[in-house]
Amino acid sequence: MAVAPAAPAKADGIPPAIEFCGVDKRFPARGKAAEVLAVQNVNLLIRPGEVVSIIGPSGCGKSTLLNMGSGLAMPSAGEVRVAGETVTGPNSHVAFMLQKDLLMPWRTITENIEFGLEVRGVPAAERAAVSAQLLTQCHLAGFGANYPHQLSGGMRQRAALARTLAVDPLVLLMDEPFSALDAQTKMILQQDLAQTVAEQNKTVLFITHDLAEAAALSDRILVMSERPGTITEEIIVHMPSRENPMARRKNTELGNYVTRLMELLRLDAHSEVH
């Protein structure tokens, strides 16, 4: 196991997929509530095709980083770049997947998957081809005409993943997408995600409280401090087979990574991180 400095830019001139440069985020005072400095001096760089997880105490600003990466929030200081371009608002290079699937109940699964393409004005025939491919890829073949309430929680998250992939984003921002699922379903979806990311060479910034999940899915794990959150440690995961998290879970080294992460987070019986 190794602790390393921030990843350097690639020598071939390809810009980082996503980069945070000296980023602060302040939320202004409201009523009797004081101003909140959520994150401070965050510097991170993710290469194209990397999977990087962020862990840290609840309230340390992990989700705030994703909001800024997606353009839903702007930094108070510093700069966020995607594919070398400064993020100034929502953009087509990134897609967000959350803990809740947020599927539209009045639309079929196929219609949910096609929604982002529809908004972009993609022709119906092309949308249909993309959704058909993703239904198969995400193990939802035969369920395209169903509505969200007719699917299990795991299948709904598969549909949410298919909708996220449909717009062919450069970067996937994932905020605890599997945390509400049972352990067996979670591991199956982790496997599906890892294989898809590897096959399509997607870049992923993944937030989780599950330390084993972070080690099983990631190339690197970034550890954040309590608020104001900043990155305090970087762990490079040297286990093979990132595209096969179940194999990583069987690797005896996984326990060593989890133990190290627990030490860095100073976990005890009262900790909010598990």
Protein backbone atom coordinates (compact mmCIF):
# COMPACT_ATOMS: atom_id res chain seq x y z
CA MET A 1 0.00 0.00 0.00
CA ALA A 2 1.32 3.44 -0.86
CA VAL A 3 0.57 7.03 -0.08
CA ALA A 4 1.41 9.26 -3.04
CA PRO A 5 1.26 12.90 -4.09
CA ALA A 6 -1.43 14.15 -6.43
CA ALA A 7 -1.39 12.51 -9.86
CA PRO A 8 0.66 14.43 -12.43
CA ALA A 9 -0.70 15.55 -15.76
CA LYS A 10 -0.27 13.08 -18.59
CA ALA A 11 2.84 13.51 -20.71
CA ASP A 12 0.95 13.05 -23.97
CA GLY A 13 -0.72 16.43 -23.61
CA ILE A 14 -4.21 15.09 -22.96
CA PRO A 15 -5.78 17.30 -20.26
CA PRO A 16 -7.09 15.78 -17.03
CA ALA A 17 -10.68 14.57 -17.23
CA ILE A 18 -11.49 16.65 -14.16
CA GLU A 19 -9.36 18.91 -12.00
CA PHE A 20 -9.88 21.00 -8.85
CA CYS A 21 -7.33 23.77 -8.37
CA GLY A 22 -7.19 25.50 -4.98
CA VAL A 23 -10.96 25.21 -4.56
CA ASP A 24 -12.85 26.71 -1.62
CA LYS A 25 -16.60 26.71 -1.18
CA ARG A 26 -18.38 29.00 1.25
CA PHE A 27 -22.10 29.03 1.93
CA PRO A 28 -23.31 32.47 3.03
CA ALA A 29 -24.87 33.18 6.39
CA ARG A 30 -28.65 32.81 6.52
CA GLY A 31 -30.71 34.14 9.38
CA LYS A 32 -28.96 33.17 12.59
CA ALA A 33 -26.80 30.58 10.86
CA ALA A 34 -23.18 31.62 10.39
CA GLU A 35 -21.29 31.39 7.11
CA VAL A 36 -20.06 27.86 6.43
CA LEU A 37 -16.70 27.09 4.85
CA ALA A 38 -17.52 23.68 3.41
CA VAL A 39 -14.28 22.84 1.59
CA GLN A 40 -10.92 24.57 1.60
CA ASN A 41 -7.92 24.45 -0.74
CA VAL A 42 -8.94 21.28 -2.54
CA ASN A 43 -6.49 20.19 -5.21
CA LEU A 44 -7.08 17.02 -7.17
CA LEU A 45 -6.54 15.74 -10.67
CA ILE A 46 -8.13 12.72 -12.32
CA ARG A 47 -6.79 11.32 -15.57
CA PRO A 48 -9.07 10.07 -18.35
CA GLY A 49 -10.16 6.52 -17.60
CA GLU A 50 -9.37 6.65 -13.86
CA VAL A 51 -11.76 5.68 -11.07
CA VAL A 52 -11.15 7.72 -7.94
CA SER A 53 -13.14 7.44 -4.71
CA ILE A 54 -13.48 10.07 -2.02
CA ILE A 55 -14.14 9.11 1.58
CA GLY A 56 -14.42 11.23 4.69
CA PRO A 57 -16.62 12.15 7.64
CA SER A 58 -20.23 13.12 7.05
CA GLY A 59 -20.48 16.84 6.30
CA CYS A 60 -16.89 17.21 5.08
CA GLY A 61 -17.92 18.50 1.64
CA LYS A 62 -17.75 15.40 -0.55
CA SER A 63 -21.07 16.07 -2.25
CA THR A 64 -20.18 19.76 -2.54
CA LEU A 65 -17.19 18.75 -4.67
CA LEU A 66 -19.42 16.78 -7.01
CA ASN A 67 -21.84 19.68 -7.27
CA MET A 68 -18.99 21.93 -8.32
CA GLY A 69 -17.66 19.32 -10.73
CA SER A 70 -21.05 19.13 -12.42
CA GLY A 71 -21.47 22.90 -12.59
CA LEU A 72 -24.47 22.90 -10.26
CA ALA A 73 -22.46 25.05 -7.83
CA MET A 74 -19.56 27.42 -8.35
CA PRO A 75 -16.43 27.55 -6.19
CA SER A 76 -15.94 30.56 -3.94
CA ALA A 77 -12.24 30.47 -4.79
CA GLY A 78 -10.12 28.43 -7.16
CA GLU A 79 -11.18 26.70 -10.34
CA VAL A 80 -12.74 23.44 -11.52
CA ARG A 81 -11.88 22.18 -15.01
CA VAL A 82 -13.36 19.37 -17.05
CA ALA A 83 -11.40 18.24 -20.14
CA GLY A 84 -9.26 21.35 -19.73
CA GLU A 85 -12.23 23.75 -19.78
CA THR A 86 -13.22 25.84 -16.78
CA VAL A 87 -16.60 24.81 -15.40
CA THR A 88 -18.94 27.81 -15.47
CA GLY A 89 -22.27 25.96 -15.35
CA PRO A 90 -23.89 22.61 -16.14
CA ASN A 91 -22.16 20.98 -19.10
CA SER A 92 -22.49 17.96 -21.31
CA HIS A 93 -19.14 16.43 -20.33
CA VAL A 94 -20.38 15.13 -16.98
CA ALA A 95 -23.31 13.08 -15.69
CA PHE A 96 -24.50 12.66 -12.12
CA MET A 97 -25.78 9.50 -10.40
CA LEU A 98 -27.16 9.74 -6.88
CA GLN A 99 -28.27 7.45 -4.08
CA LYS A 100 -31.88 7.95 -5.18
CA ASP A 101 -32.63 6.87 -8.73
CA LEU A 102 -34.88 9.92 -9.40
CA LEU A 103 -36.60 8.11 -12.25
CA MET A 104 -39.68 9.91 -13.53
CA PRO A 105 -42.64 7.73 -12.51
CA TRP A 106 -44.82 8.75 -15.46
CA ARG A 107 -42.24 7.61 -18.01
CA THR A 108 -41.34 4.04 -18.92
CA ILE A 109 -37.82 2.78 -18.26
CA THR A 110 -36.97 3.27 -21.93
CA GLU A 111 -38.33 6.81 -21.83
CA ASN A 112 -36.35 7.53 -18.67
CA ILE A 113 -33.14 6.28 -20.29
CA GLU A 114 -33.78 8.42 -23.36
CA PHE A 115 -34.66 11.59 -21.44
CA GLY A 116 -31.22 13.26 -21.62
CA LEU A 117 -30.96 12.50 -25.32
CA GLU A 118 -34.45 13.87 -25.87
CA VAL A 119 -33.49 17.12 -24.15
CA ARG A 120 -30.49 17.37 -26.46
CA GLY A 121 -32.69 16.96 -29.51
CA VAL A 122 -31.33 13.57 -30.58
CA PRO A 123 -33.61 11.97 -33.22
CA ALA A 124 -36.03 9.31 -32.04
CA ALA A 125 -34.42 6.47 -34.01
CA GLU A 126 -31.02 7.22 -32.52
CA ARG A 127 -32.48 7.45 -29.02
CA ALA A 128 -34.17 4.09 -29.49
CA ALA A 129 -30.92 2.46 -30.59
CA VAL A 130 -29.05 3.83 -27.57
CA SER A 131 -31.74 2.79 -25.07
CA ALA A 132 -32.01 -0.70 -26.56
CA GLN A 133 -28.27 -1.20 -26.24
CA LEU A 134 -28.22 0.06 -22.65
CA LEU A 135 -31.21 -2.05 -21.61
CA THR A 136 -29.21 -5.11 -22.64
CA GLN A 137 -25.93 -3.83 -21.21
CA CYS A 138 -27.50 -3.03 -17.83
CA HIS A 139 -29.41 -6.34 -17.66
CA LEU A 140 -32.82 -4.74 -18.16
CA ALA A 141 -33.75 -6.36 -21.47
CA GLY A 142 -37.50 -6.97 -21.53
CA PHE A 143 -38.25 -4.25 -18.97
CA GLY A 144 -38.12 -1.17 -21.19
CA ALA A 145 -41.92 -0.83 -21.28
CA ASN A 146 -42.24 -1.11 -17.51
CA TYR A 147 -42.66 1.86 -15.20
CA PRO A 148 -40.32 2.52 -12.27
CA HIS A 149 -42.82 1.34 -9.63
CA GLN A 150 -42.84 -2.07 -11.29
CA LEU A 151 -39.10 -2.62 -10.71
CA SER A 152 -37.06 -3.58 -7.65
CA GLY A 153 -34.67 -1.11 -6.07
CA GLY A 154 -31.69 -2.76 -7.74
CA MET A 155 -33.33 -2.68 -11.16
CA ARG A 156 -34.23 0.96 -10.70
CA GLN A 157 -30.58 1.75 -9.99
CA ARG A 158 -29.63 -0.18 -13.13
CA ALA A 159 -32.06 2.04 -15.03
CA ALA A 160 -30.52 5.13 -13.41
CA LEU A 161 -27.07 3.95 -14.50
CA ALA A 162 -28.35 3.35 -18.04
CA ARG A 163 -29.84 6.88 -18.11
CA THR A 164 -26.49 8.27 -16.91
CA LEU A 165 -24.54 6.41 -19.59
CA ALA A 166 -26.99 7.29 -22.37
CA VAL A 167 -25.61 10.81 -22.76
CA ASP A 168 -22.08 9.38 -23.18
CA PRO A 169 -20.43 11.58 -20.53
CA LEU A 170 -16.69 12.01 -20.22
CA VAL A 171 -16.93 11.96 -16.42
CA LEU A 172 -19.35 10.06 -14.17
CA LEU A 173 -19.96 11.77 -10.83
CA MET A 174 -21.43 9.20 -8.44
CA ASP A 175 -22.69 10.11 -4.96
CA GLU A 176 -23.18 6.89 -2.96
CA PRO A 177 -25.23 5.32 -5.77
CA PHE A 178 -25.46 1.89 -4.14
CA SER A 179 -25.77 2.77 -0.45
CA ALA A 180 -29.52 2.13 -0.22
CA LEU A 181 -29.26 -1.40 -1.66
CA ASP A 182 -28.86 -4.71 0.12
CA ALA A 183 -25.34 -6.17 0.23
CA GLN A 184 -25.85 -8.76 -2.50
CA THR A 185 -27.48 -6.35 -4.95
CA LYS A 186 -24.81 -3.75 -4.20
CA MET A 187 -21.98 -6.13 -5.13
CA ILE A 188 -23.71 -7.15 -8.36
CA LEU A 189 -24.16 -3.52 -9.39
CA GLN A 190 -20.57 -2.71 -8.44
CA GLN A 191 -19.50 -5.48 -10.79
CA ASP A 192 -21.71 -4.15 -13.59
CA LEU A 193 -20.42 -0.61 -13.09
CA ALA A 194 -16.77 -1.66 -13.03
CA GLN A 195 -17.08 -3.70 -16.22
CA THR A 196 -18.94 -0.93 -18.04
CA VAL A 197 -16.43 1.72 -16.95
CA ALA A 198 -13.53 -0.46 -18.09
CA GLU A 199 -15.12 -1.31 -21.45
CA GLN A 200 -16.02 2.31 -22.22
CA ASN A 201 -12.93 3.86 -20.60
CA LYS A 202 -15.03 6.23 -18.51
CA THR A 203 -13.65 8.49 -15.81
CA VAL A 204 -15.38 8.21 -12.43
CA LEU A 205 -15.33 10.35 -9.29
CA PHE A 206 -17.10 8.21 -6.69
CA ILE A 207 -18.25 9.15 -3.20
CA THR A 208 -18.81 6.39 -0.68
CA HIS A 209 -18.85 5.71 3.06
CA ASP A 210 -18.16 2.02 2.37
CA LEU A 211 -14.40 1.54 2.68
CA ALA A 212 -14.42 -1.93 1.09
CA GLU A 213 -16.39 -0.52 -1.84
CA ALA A 214 -13.79 2.21 -2.31
CA ALA A 215 -10.94 -0.31 -2.36
CA ALA A 216 -12.80 -2.72 -4.64
CA LEU A 217 -13.70 -0.14 -7.29
CA SER A 218 -10.90 2.41 -7.37
CA ASP A 219 -7.49 3.19 -8.79
CA ARG A 220 -7.00 5.75 -6.04
CA ILE A 221 -8.78 6.72 -2.83
CA LEU A 222 -8.73 10.29 -1.52
CA VAL A 223 -9.33 10.90 2.17
CA MET A 224 -10.92 14.16 3.30
CA SER A 225 -10.71 15.88 6.67
CA GLU A 226 -13.62 17.12 8.74
CA ARG A 227 -15.15 20.43 7.64
CA PRO A 228 -13.77 22.52 6.15
CA GLY A 229 -12.94 19.52 4.03
CA THR A 230 -9.60 19.21 2.34
CA ILE A 231 -7.75 16.20 0.95
CA THR A 232 -5.38 14.86 3.58
CA GLU A 233 -4.25 11.54 2.10
CA GLU A 234 -4.13 9.70 -1.20
CA ILE A 235 -3.99 5.91 -1.33
CA ILE A 236 -3.05 4.18 -4.56
CA VAL A 237 -4.78 0.81 -4.87
CA HIS A 238 -2.32 -1.71 -6.27
CA MET A 239 -4.64 -4.71 -6.38
CA PRO A 240 -5.20 -6.09 -9.89
CA SER A 241 -8.53 -6.50 -11.69
CA ARG A 242 -10.24 -3.17 -11.12
CA GLU A 243 -12.85 -4.33 -13.65
CA ASN A 244 -13.64 -7.25 -11.32
CA PRO A 245 -14.43 -5.91 -7.84
CA MET A 246 -15.63 -9.32 -6.66
CA ALA A 247 -12.15 -10.68 -7.33
CA ARG A 248 -10.70 -7.76 -5.39
CA ARG A 249 -12.99 -8.54 -2.47
CA LYS A 250 -11.43 -12.02 -2.34
CA ASN A 251 -7.92 -10.56 -2.38
CA THR A 252 -6.33 -10.69 1.08
CA GLU A 253 -4.90 -7.20 0.49
CA LEU A 254 -8.36 -5.63 0.55
CA GLY A 255 -8.52 -5.95 4.33
CA ASN A 256 -5.22 -4.11 4.63
CA TYR A 257 -6.58 -1.18 2.61
CA VAL A 258 -9.72 -1.04 4.74
CA THR A 259 -7.64 -1.12 7.93
CA ARG A 260 -5.43 1.71 6.66
CA LEU A 261 -8.45 3.81 5.70
CA MET A 262 -9.97 3.24 9.13
CA GLU A 263 -6.74 4.45 10.71
CA LEU A 264 -6.69 7.56 8.55
CA LEU A 265 -10.31 8.33 9.43
CA ARG A 266 -9.63 7.59 13.11
CA LEU A 267 -12.70 5.43 13.28
CA ASP A 268 -14.19 4.46 16.61
CA ALA A 269 -17.54 3.18 17.84
CA HIS A 270 -19.09 6.65 17.59
CA SER A 271 -17.84 7.52 14.10
CA GLU A 272 -20.32 8.44 11.38
CA VAL A 273 -18.19 6.75 8.73
CA HIS A 274 -18.46 2.98 8.31
